[in-house]
Amino acid sequence: MKIAFHGAARAVTGSKHLITLNNGTQILLDCGMFQGMGDITESLNESFGFKPINVNYFILSHAHIDHCGLLPRLVAEGFRGPIFCTPATRDLAEILLLDSAKIQMQDAEYANRKIRPADEPEVPLYTDKDVEKALSLFKTYPYDHIFNISPDIAVEFTDAGHIVGSSAVHLQINENGKETRITFSGDVGRYGDLLLKSPQKFPQADYIIMESTYGDSLHTELAPTESMLAEVIRHTCVDKKGKVIIPAFSVGRTQELLYALNSLELKGELPNIPYYVDSPLSLEATQVLKNHPEVYNYGVKEIQKVDHDIFNFKGLRFIESVEESKALNNDPQPCVIISSSGMAEGGRVRHHIKNNIGDQRNTILMVGYASPGSLAGRLMAGQKQVWFFRQNFDVIAEIRSIKSMSAHGDYEDLLQFLSVQDPTKVKQVFLVHGDYDVQQNFAVKVCNAGFKNVAIPEYHQEFEL
């Protein structure tokens, strides 16, 4: 048996891990799109490093685009096997992949009309038709239910607490009379999350593929998330009469923000200003979360006893049309604008940043991880001038961050996730989905926790299990 790492290898995006059994059977864990990798992003997304037609089974940990974003291209290039995930992941994947296809088709059309010469047409990675073909292959199973995808391969999903539907994947493979148990963490959420249940315990594994996004960080803040959010809004919108621009992923982070703002209103601490969610996708994702209350933690369920809509409050408005979005930039009144994407690498939020970055009254507030090369990452790094939309912009607005709002666990959360294992029975831990310097630091912590064999795979590197 072999495993090869074709994405999220010494990087935090493009998750793809391919298990090949001795009889040639191939199981692909995730098929994510590379994002925020600068000039090499396009070329990384155009080549898998394996032949999709040879993959027999696909298992999806969760619906974020860096984990499922190339699935339609996988199908377009020949994959015809079943796609396994939780029901909520399937619901989210549908809206996210259709949105991704729409953006790519629009970008290709624009490039062919405005930029590319006629003999070098821009072609999208996939179309909405490819998404529809992929969706027809989905098969869903709930958490904590063992099911067989073949006579020799059993799978179980456990709640990873990252976003609605997110799971850690547990494989039990019988090969030549030998049983091998492999766990893929997916993305691990936080213990004590505002909305979701904590990551759940999982069965003993022989091999663990472990995410490491925040493997050298602690999400320690001097004040709770709600208090920090209120402070930024009061400082910017009430005291300085400015705008707060929040780049936030449509799935997960936006709903967490809405829940926190709603909680502030329930306490009478929410400033009386307009709050806009400028992302049609966020409205759909919020509805998916409402449709899957099984993922809520105990605290949320208690709040629901007195507030049936935990994502709604006075002054909130969802913006859907492009015209309405543009109008926000001409409105001088103080407000909060939540818009995707979280790394500010695309979407409407880039326009809001462009129109507000040059005014000291405004604040651009980061609420999660951003890769160093992304616009959000460069702003968080303190750059005084940033390049996007083919020009340089001076950073005059305040740049703030609330790291505690990350949907990824910090190193204490990751170690707690691993703590249910007997480390002496784990033959190898593979660290994925992290920057290499972070992974090197986390590897030391994992070894100190008793896991003696820790590897940090390179891109396309293959290991014999």
Protein backbone atom coordinates (compact mmCIF):
# COMPACT_ATOMS: atom_id res chain seq x y z
CA MET A 1 0.00 0.00 0.00
CA LYS A 2 1.21 3.48 -0.87
CA ILE A 3 0.14 7.04 -0.18
CA ALA A 4 1.09 10.08 -2.27
CA PHE A 5 0.54 13.73 -1.39
CA HIS A 6 -0.54 15.76 -4.42
CA GLY A 7 -1.63 18.90 -2.60
CA ALA A 8 -1.53 20.65 0.78
CA ALA A 9 2.06 19.38 0.96
CA ARG A 10 4.14 22.02 2.77
CA ALA A 11 1.30 24.40 1.85
CA VAL A 12 -2.17 25.18 3.19
CA THR A 13 -4.22 24.65 0.06
CA GLY A 14 -5.00 22.14 -2.69
CA SER A 15 -5.63 19.14 -0.40
CA LYS A 16 -5.20 15.82 -2.32
CA HIS A 17 -3.97 12.55 -0.83
CA LEU A 18 -3.98 9.37 -2.93
CA ILE A 19 -3.90 5.90 -1.39
CA THR A 20 -3.02 3.06 -3.78
CA LEU A 21 -3.52 -0.54 -2.68
CA ASN A 22 -1.34 -3.41 -3.86
CA ASN A 23 -4.10 -4.56 -6.23
CA GLY A 24 -4.16 -1.14 -7.90
CA THR A 25 -7.30 0.20 -6.19
CA GLN A 26 -7.01 3.96 -5.64
CA ILE A 27 -8.74 6.02 -2.96
CA LEU A 28 -8.49 9.81 -3.20
CA LEU A 29 -8.93 11.87 -0.04
CA ASP A 30 -10.07 15.39 -1.00
CA CYS A 31 -9.49 17.16 -4.30
CA GLY A 32 -8.92 20.79 -3.42
CA MET A 33 -8.16 23.79 -5.53
CA PHE A 34 -4.91 25.67 -4.96
CA GLN A 35 -5.53 29.25 -3.87
CA GLY A 36 -3.33 32.22 -3.06
CA MET A 37 -0.11 30.63 -4.41
CA GLY A 38 0.83 33.58 -6.58
CA ASP A 39 2.04 33.06 -10.14
CA ILE A 40 2.13 29.26 -9.85
CA THR A 41 -1.51 28.88 -8.75
CA GLU A 42 -2.86 28.37 -12.26
CA SER A 43 -0.32 25.72 -13.23
CA LEU A 44 -0.85 23.84 -9.94
CA ASN A 45 -4.58 23.62 -10.65
CA GLU A 46 -4.08 22.33 -14.18
CA SER A 47 -2.21 19.14 -13.26
CA PHE A 48 -3.21 16.51 -10.70
CA GLY A 49 -0.03 14.44 -10.65
CA PHE A 50 -2.11 11.29 -11.21
CA LYS A 51 -4.71 10.06 -13.70
CA PRO A 52 -8.30 10.72 -12.55
CA ILE A 53 -9.61 7.82 -14.60
CA ASN A 54 -7.57 5.42 -12.41
CA VAL A 55 -9.16 6.61 -9.14
CA ASN A 56 -11.80 4.18 -7.87
CA TYR A 57 -13.19 5.98 -4.81
CA PHE A 58 -13.28 9.57 -3.64
CA ILE A 59 -13.81 10.63 -0.02
CA LEU A 60 -14.41 14.29 0.84
CA SER A 61 -13.64 15.58 4.35
CA HIS A 62 -15.52 18.88 3.96
CA ALA A 63 -16.76 21.39 1.42
CA HIS A 64 -14.21 24.21 1.50
CA ILE A 65 -12.90 24.91 -2.00
CA ASP A 66 -9.31 24.09 -1.02
CA HIS A 67 -10.59 20.57 -0.30
CA CYS A 68 -13.26 20.03 -2.98
CA GLY A 69 -12.66 22.74 -5.57
CA LEU A 70 -11.10 20.54 -8.28
CA LEU A 71 -13.62 17.72 -7.96
CA PRO A 72 -15.55 18.74 -11.11
CA ARG A 73 -12.29 18.80 -13.06
CA LEU A 74 -11.49 15.34 -11.69
CA VAL A 75 -14.82 14.13 -13.13
CA ALA A 76 -14.26 15.99 -16.41
CA GLU A 77 -10.93 14.17 -16.78
CA GLY A 78 -12.39 10.72 -16.31
CA PHE A 79 -13.22 9.94 -12.67
CA ARG A 80 -16.47 7.96 -12.52
CA GLY A 81 -16.44 6.41 -9.04
CA PRO A 82 -18.62 7.25 -6.04
CA ILE A 83 -18.02 10.35 -3.91
CA PHE A 84 -18.51 9.83 -0.17
CA CYS A 85 -19.16 12.56 2.41
CA THR A 86 -21.63 13.68 5.09
CA PRO A 87 -25.06 15.05 4.07
CA ALA A 88 -24.21 18.62 5.10
CA THR A 89 -20.94 18.49 3.14
CA ARG A 90 -22.85 17.47 0.03
CA ASP A 91 -25.29 20.39 0.49
CA LEU A 92 -22.45 22.88 0.91
CA ALA A 93 -20.38 21.42 -1.92
CA GLU A 94 -23.24 21.95 -4.33
CA ILE A 95 -23.51 25.70 -3.75
CA LEU A 96 -19.75 26.25 -3.49
CA LEU A 97 -18.86 24.31 -6.63
CA LEU A 98 -21.61 25.92 -8.70
CA ASP A 99 -20.37 29.31 -7.53
CA SER A 100 -16.77 28.36 -8.36
CA ALA A 101 -17.77 27.25 -11.85
CA LYS A 102 -19.71 30.47 -12.39
CA ILE A 103 -16.72 32.60 -11.42
CA GLN A 104 -14.37 30.66 -13.68
CA MET A 105 -16.73 30.83 -16.64
CA GLN A 106 -17.18 34.58 -16.15
CA ASP A 107 -13.42 35.13 -15.79
CA ALA A 108 -12.74 33.13 -18.97
CA GLU A 109 -15.39 35.05 -20.89
CA TYR A 110 -13.94 38.36 -19.72
CA ALA A 111 -10.38 37.33 -20.57
CA ASN A 112 -11.37 36.19 -24.04
CA ARG A 113 -13.24 39.43 -24.64
CA LYS A 114 -10.76 41.88 -23.15
CA ILE A 115 -7.31 40.35 -22.69
CA ARG A 116 -6.40 37.11 -24.47
CA PRO A 117 -5.69 37.07 -28.20
CA ALA A 118 -8.20 35.07 -30.25
CA ASP A 119 -5.72 32.24 -30.93
CA GLU A 120 -5.09 31.68 -27.17
CA PRO A 121 -8.55 31.43 -25.61
CA GLU A 122 -8.93 31.24 -21.85
CA VAL A 123 -10.62 28.00 -20.75
CA PRO A 124 -12.19 27.55 -17.29
CA LEU A 125 -10.97 24.66 -15.13
CA TYR A 126 -14.54 23.36 -15.29
CA THR A 127 -18.09 24.44 -16.06
CA ASP A 128 -21.45 24.15 -14.32
CA LYS A 129 -22.12 21.05 -16.43
CA ASP A 130 -19.03 19.39 -14.90
CA VAL A 131 -20.34 20.29 -11.44
CA GLU A 132 -23.69 18.68 -12.19
CA LYS A 133 -21.93 15.47 -13.31
CA ALA A 134 -19.92 15.45 -10.09
CA LEU A 135 -23.00 15.99 -7.92
CA SER A 136 -24.66 12.95 -9.48
CA LEU A 137 -21.87 10.76 -8.00
CA PHE A 138 -22.33 11.80 -4.36
CA LYS A 139 -23.28 9.27 -1.69
CA THR A 140 -23.80 10.54 1.86
CA TYR A 141 -23.44 8.94 5.29
CA PRO A 142 -23.94 10.45 8.76
CA TYR A 143 -21.32 10.76 11.47
CA ASP A 144 -20.37 7.69 13.53
CA HIS A 145 -21.70 5.18 11.01
CA ILE A 146 -19.34 2.55 9.59
CA PHE A 147 -20.04 1.69 5.96
CA ASN A 148 -18.26 -0.39 3.32
CA ILE A 149 -17.22 1.08 0.00
CA SER A 150 -15.88 -2.33 -1.05
CA PRO A 151 -15.66 -5.75 0.65
CA ASP A 152 -12.18 -4.84 1.94
CA ILE A 153 -12.58 -1.12 2.68
CA ALA A 154 -14.70 0.36 5.49
CA VAL A 155 -15.13 4.09 6.20
CA GLU A 156 -16.38 6.12 9.14
CA PHE A 157 -16.86 9.88 9.50
CA THR A 158 -16.49 11.65 12.84
CA ASP A 159 -17.28 15.30 13.47
CA ALA A 160 -14.15 17.45 13.04
CA GLY A 161 -15.82 20.63 14.33
CA HIS A 162 -14.40 22.79 11.53
CA ILE A 163 -17.47 23.79 9.50
CA VAL A 164 -20.94 22.34 9.08
CA GLY A 165 -20.54 18.77 7.81
CA SER A 166 -16.78 18.65 8.26
CA SER A 167 -15.39 15.25 9.15
CA ALA A 168 -12.31 13.33 10.00
CA VAL A 169 -12.15 10.28 7.74
CA HIS A 170 -11.28 6.84 9.13
CA LEU A 171 -10.39 3.99 6.79
CA GLN A 172 -10.13 0.33 7.68
CA ILE A 173 -8.42 -1.53 4.83
CA ASN A 174 -7.96 -5.29 4.69
CA GLU A 175 -5.23 -6.28 2.28
CA ASN A 176 -3.68 -9.73 1.97
CA GLY A 177 -5.00 -10.69 5.40
CA LYS A 178 -3.57 -7.56 7.03
CA GLU A 179 -5.75 -4.78 8.52
CA THR A 180 -4.56 -1.18 8.22
CA ARG A 181 -6.34 1.76 9.83
CA ILE A 182 -5.75 5.21 8.35
CA THR A 183 -7.18 8.45 9.74
CA PHE A 184 -7.31 11.66 7.73
CA SER A 185 -8.06 14.59 10.03
CA GLY A 186 -9.47 16.86 7.32
CA ASP A 187 -9.40 20.29 8.94
CA VAL A 188 -9.71 20.21 12.72
CA GLY A 189 -11.89 22.79 14.41
CA ARG A 190 -11.62 24.32 17.85
CA TYR A 191 -12.60 22.95 21.21
CA GLY A 192 -15.17 25.39 22.58
CA ASP A 193 -16.18 26.87 19.21
CA LEU A 194 -18.88 29.57 19.25
CA LEU A 195 -21.24 27.53 17.07
CA LEU A 196 -20.11 23.98 16.47
CA LYS A 197 -19.48 20.89 18.53
CA SER A 198 -15.89 20.20 19.47
CA PRO A 199 -13.93 17.66 17.39
CA GLN A 200 -15.05 14.17 18.36
CA LYS A 201 -12.99 11.20 19.52
CA PHE A 202 -11.94 8.69 16.87
CA PRO A 203 -10.76 5.07 16.73
CA GLN A 204 -7.15 4.00 17.03
CA ALA A 205 -5.19 4.44 13.81
CA ASP A 206 -2.01 2.96 12.39
CA TYR A 207 -1.37 6.02 10.21
CA ILE A 208 -2.62 9.58 10.65
CA ILE A 209 -2.72 12.29 7.99
CA MET A 210 -2.87 15.41 10.14
CA GLU A 211 -3.55 19.03 9.24
CA SER A 212 -1.17 21.59 10.78
CA THR A 213 -2.36 25.05 9.72
CA TYR A 214 -1.82 26.59 13.15
CA GLY A 215 0.74 24.08 14.37
CA ASP A 216 2.88 26.75 16.05
CA SER A 217 0.20 29.22 17.18
CA LEU A 218 -2.16 29.69 20.09
CA HIS A 219 -5.41 31.55 19.56
CA THR A 220 -5.05 33.47 22.77
CA GLU A 221 -6.76 36.84 22.96
CA LEU A 222 -7.00 39.29 25.83
CA ALA A 223 -10.77 39.53 25.34
CA PRO A 224 -13.48 37.20 24.01
CA THR A 225 -14.35 37.34 20.31
CA GLU A 226 -17.60 39.21 20.89
CA SER A 227 -15.91 41.90 23.00
CA MET A 228 -13.15 42.43 20.44
CA LEU A 229 -15.67 42.63 17.63
CA ALA A 230 -17.72 45.21 19.52
CA GLU A 231 -14.59 47.23 20.31
CA VAL A 232 -13.52 47.39 16.66
CA ILE A 233 -17.00 48.42 15.52
CA ARG A 234 -17.38 51.12 18.19
CA HIS A 235 -13.88 52.49 17.55
CA THR A 236 -14.33 52.61 13.78
CA CYS A 237 -18.01 53.29 13.17
CA VAL A 238 -19.03 55.25 16.27
CA ASP A 239 -15.86 57.14 17.20
CA LYS A 240 -14.29 57.66 13.75
CA LYS A 241 -17.47 57.48 11.63
CA GLY A 242 -15.78 54.98 9.33
CA LYS A 243 -16.48 51.56 7.84
CA VAL A 244 -15.37 48.12 8.97
CA ILE A 245 -14.56 45.81 6.05
CA ILE A 246 -14.35 42.14 7.01
CA PRO A 247 -13.06 39.61 4.45
CA ALA A 248 -14.77 36.38 5.50
CA PHE A 249 -15.32 33.01 3.91
CA SER A 250 -18.95 32.50 2.93
CA VAL A 251 -19.03 29.19 4.75
CA GLY A 252 -18.23 29.05 8.44
CA ARG A 253 -16.67 32.41 9.22
CA THR A 254 -19.60 34.53 8.03
CA GLN A 255 -22.08 32.50 10.09
CA GLU A 256 -19.81 32.75 13.14
CA LEU A 257 -19.67 36.53 12.72
CA LEU A 258 -23.45 36.76 12.42
CA TYR A 259 -23.89 34.64 15.53
CA ALA A 260 -21.45 36.84 17.49
CA LEU A 261 -23.17 40.03 16.32
CA ASN A 262 -26.56 38.56 17.19
CA SER A 263 -25.24 37.70 20.67
CA LEU A 264 -24.11 41.30 21.11
CA GLU A 265 -27.57 42.52 20.21
CA LEU A 266 -29.15 40.14 22.74
CA LYS A 267 -26.86 41.70 25.37
CA GLY A 268 -27.70 45.25 24.23
CA GLU A 269 -24.09 45.89 23.17
CA LEU A 270 -24.43 46.10 19.36
CA PRO A 271 -23.90 49.59 17.88
CA ASN A 272 -26.96 50.82 15.98
CA ILE A 273 -25.51 50.97 12.44
CA PRO A 274 -26.15 49.06 9.18
CA TYR A 275 -24.60 45.59 8.84
CA TYR A 276 -24.22 44.17 5.34
CA VAL A 277 -23.35 40.67 4.21
CA ASP A 278 -22.26 41.26 0.63
CA SER A 279 -22.19 37.72 -0.68
CA PRO A 280 -25.12 35.82 -2.23
CA LEU A 281 -23.24 32.62 -1.45
CA SER A 282 -23.21 33.48 2.26
CA LEU A 283 -27.00 33.63 2.29
CA GLU A 284 -27.18 30.11 0.83
CA ALA A 285 -24.50 28.80 3.19
CA THR A 286 -26.31 30.27 6.18
CA GLN A 287 -29.44 28.42 5.13
CA VAL A 288 -27.48 25.15 4.88
CA LEU A 289 -26.29 25.62 8.45
CA LYS A 290 -29.86 26.30 9.57
CA ASN A 291 -30.88 23.06 7.87
CA HIS A 292 -28.33 21.04 9.86
CA PRO A 293 -28.85 21.95 13.54
CA GLU A 294 -27.31 18.62 14.55
CA VAL A 295 -23.87 20.28 14.35
CA TYR A 296 -24.67 23.02 16.93
CA ASN A 297 -23.07 22.85 20.34
CA TYR A 298 -25.00 22.91 23.61
CA GLY A 299 -24.62 26.66 24.10
CA VAL A 300 -26.20 27.46 20.73
CA LYS A 301 -29.11 25.14 21.43
CA GLU A 302 -29.72 26.98 24.70
CA ILE A 303 -29.71 30.35 22.90
CA GLN A 304 -32.25 29.00 20.40
CA LYS A 305 -34.72 28.58 23.26
CA VAL A 306 -34.98 32.39 23.45
CA ASP A 307 -33.96 33.37 19.91
CA HIS A 308 -35.17 31.15 17.08
CA ASP A 309 -32.97 32.86 14.43
CA ILE A 310 -29.41 33.03 15.74
CA PHE A 311 -28.08 34.60 12.53
CA ASN A 312 -30.39 37.62 12.34
CA PHE A 313 -30.47 40.93 14.19
CA LYS A 314 -31.52 44.56 13.82
CA GLY A 315 -29.76 46.37 10.98
CA LEU A 316 -28.66 43.24 9.10
CA ARG A 317 -29.13 43.08 5.34
CA PHE A 318 -27.94 40.54 2.80
CA ILE A 319 -26.73 42.12 -0.45
CA GLU A 320 -27.34 40.05 -3.57
CA SER A 321 -27.09 42.18 -6.72
CA VAL A 322 -23.89 43.72 -8.10
CA GLU A 323 -25.65 47.10 -8.25
CA GLU A 324 -26.41 47.01 -4.53
CA SER A 325 -22.83 46.01 -3.81
CA LYS A 326 -21.45 48.93 -5.81
CA ALA A 327 -23.84 51.32 -4.07
CA LEU A 328 -22.21 50.51 -0.72
CA ASN A 329 -19.03 52.19 -1.91
CA ASN A 330 -20.88 55.43 -2.58
CA ASP A 331 -22.66 55.43 0.78
CA PRO A 332 -20.66 57.57 3.26
CA GLN A 333 -22.44 56.41 6.43
CA PRO A 334 -20.62 54.21 8.93
CA CYS A 335 -21.36 50.51 8.50
CA VAL A 336 -19.95 47.00 8.71
CA ILE A 337 -19.47 45.07 5.45
CA ILE A 338 -18.83 41.33 5.62
CA SER A 339 -17.83 39.99 2.22
CA SER A 340 -15.99 37.04 0.70
CA SER A 341 -13.40 35.80 0.11
CA GLY A 342 -11.66 35.32 3.43
CA MET A 343 -8.18 35.73 1.95
CA ALA A 344 -9.38 38.66 -0.18
CA GLU A 345 -8.11 36.86 -3.27
CA GLY A 346 -11.36 37.29 -5.20
CA GLY A 347 -14.97 38.32 -4.92
CA ARG A 348 -16.62 41.56 -3.95
CA VAL A 349 -14.47 42.19 -0.87
CA ARG A 350 -11.53 43.24 -3.03
CA HIS A 351 -13.63 46.11 -4.38
CA HIS A 352 -14.60 47.14 -0.85
CA ILE A 353 -10.95 47.06 0.22
CA LYS A 354 -9.97 49.08 -2.85
CA ASN A 355 -12.54 51.76 -2.04
CA ASN A 356 -11.79 51.96 1.68
CA ILE A 357 -8.08 51.20 2.16
CA GLY A 358 -7.05 54.81 1.63
CA ASP A 359 -9.13 56.34 4.45
CA GLN A 360 -7.80 56.38 8.02
CA ARG A 361 -11.33 56.33 9.42
CA ASN A 362 -11.85 52.79 8.12
CA THR A 363 -10.74 49.42 9.45
CA ILE A 364 -10.04 46.22 7.52
CA LEU A 365 -10.62 43.41 10.01
CA MET A 366 -9.17 39.92 9.43
CA VAL A 367 -10.92 37.07 11.20
CA GLY A 368 -9.02 33.93 10.24
CA TYR A 369 -6.10 32.36 8.46
CA ALA A 370 -4.75 33.94 5.29
CA SER A 371 -1.83 32.53 3.32
CA PRO A 372 1.17 34.91 3.30
CA GLY A 373 0.93 35.62 -0.43
CA SER A 374 -2.77 36.50 -0.42
CA LEU A 375 -4.01 40.09 -0.17
CA ALA A 376 -5.34 39.45 3.34
CA GLY A 377 -2.04 37.85 4.32
CA ARG A 378 -0.03 40.79 3.04
CA LEU A 379 -2.22 43.23 4.93
CA MET A 380 -1.88 41.18 8.13
CA ALA A 381 1.90 41.18 7.66
CA GLY A 382 1.86 44.98 7.91
CA GLN A 383 2.70 45.92 4.32
CA LYS A 384 2.29 49.66 3.85
CA GLN A 385 1.54 49.29 0.16
CA VAL A 386 -0.24 46.41 -1.55
CA TRP A 387 -0.60 45.45 -5.19
CA PHE A 388 -3.96 44.28 -6.54
CA PHE A 389 -6.26 45.21 -9.40
CA ARG A 390 -3.03 45.91 -11.32
CA GLN A 391 -2.01 48.88 -9.19
CA ASN A 392 -0.45 49.76 -5.85
CA PHE A 393 -2.56 51.00 -2.96
CA ASP A 394 -1.21 52.77 0.12
CA VAL A 395 -2.50 51.16 3.31
CA ILE A 396 -3.98 54.08 5.24
CA ALA A 397 -6.90 52.29 6.88
CA GLU A 398 -6.36 50.47 10.17
CA ILE A 399 -5.59 46.76 9.86
CA ARG A 400 -6.88 44.62 12.73
CA SER A 401 -7.31 40.90 13.33
CA ILE A 402 -9.19 38.55 15.62
CA LYS A 403 -7.22 35.32 15.47
CA SER A 404 -9.55 33.59 17.90
CA MET A 405 -12.14 33.38 15.15
CA SER A 406 -10.15 30.87 13.16
CA ALA A 407 -12.09 27.72 12.27
CA HIS A 408 -8.77 25.86 12.48
CA GLY A 409 -7.62 24.62 15.84
CA ASP A 410 -4.36 25.95 17.26
CA TYR A 411 -1.58 23.59 18.30
CA GLU A 412 -3.23 22.83 21.62
CA ASP A 413 -6.45 21.88 19.81
CA LEU A 414 -4.52 19.73 17.33
CA LEU A 415 -2.67 17.95 20.11
CA GLN A 416 -5.94 17.42 21.98
CA PHE A 417 -7.40 15.89 18.80
CA LEU A 418 -4.46 13.46 18.72
CA SER A 419 -4.57 12.75 22.45
CA VAL A 420 -7.27 10.06 22.10
CA GLN A 421 -4.68 7.88 20.35
CA ASP A 422 -2.14 5.52 21.85
CA PRO A 423 0.95 7.03 20.18
CA THR A 424 2.91 3.79 20.51
CA LYS A 425 0.44 2.15 18.12
CA VAL A 426 0.68 4.88 15.47
CA LYS A 427 3.31 3.90 12.91
CA GLN A 428 3.50 7.27 11.15
CA VAL A 429 2.00 10.75 11.32
CA PHE A 430 2.01 12.73 8.08
CA LEU A 431 1.70 16.49 8.52
CA VAL A 432 -0.20 18.23 5.73
CA HIS A 433 -2.07 21.50 5.18
CA GLY A 434 0.49 23.82 6.76
CA ASP A 435 3.34 26.14 5.88
CA TYR A 436 6.63 24.24 6.07
CA ASP A 437 8.18 26.28 8.89
CA VAL A 438 5.00 25.86 10.93
CA GLN A 439 5.00 22.12 10.25
CA GLN A 440 8.59 21.76 11.41
CA ASN A 441 7.69 23.37 14.73
CA PHE A 442 4.53 21.29 15.09
CA ALA A 443 6.42 18.10 14.29
CA VAL A 444 8.51 18.66 17.43
CA LYS A 445 5.34 19.04 19.51
CA VAL A 446 3.83 15.86 18.01
CA CYS A 447 7.03 13.93 18.75
CA ASN A 448 7.04 15.27 22.31
CA ALA A 449 3.49 13.92 22.65
CA GLY A 450 4.84 10.43 22.03
CA PHE A 451 4.43 10.04 18.27
CA LYS A 452 7.93 9.02 17.22
CA ASN A 453 7.61 8.91 13.42
CA VAL A 454 6.48 12.22 11.96
CA ALA A 455 6.89 13.04 8.27
CA ILE A 456 6.31 16.29 6.38
CA PRO A 457 5.63 15.19 2.78
CA GLU A 458 6.83 17.16 -0.19
CA TYR A 459 4.57 17.89 -3.15
CA HIS A 460 3.89 14.60 -5.04
CA GLN A 461 6.00 12.60 -2.57
CA GLU A 462 4.97 8.95 -2.17
CA PHE A 463 5.36 6.73 0.91
CA GLU A 464 5.12 2.97 1.35
CA LEU A 465 2.84 2.02 4.25
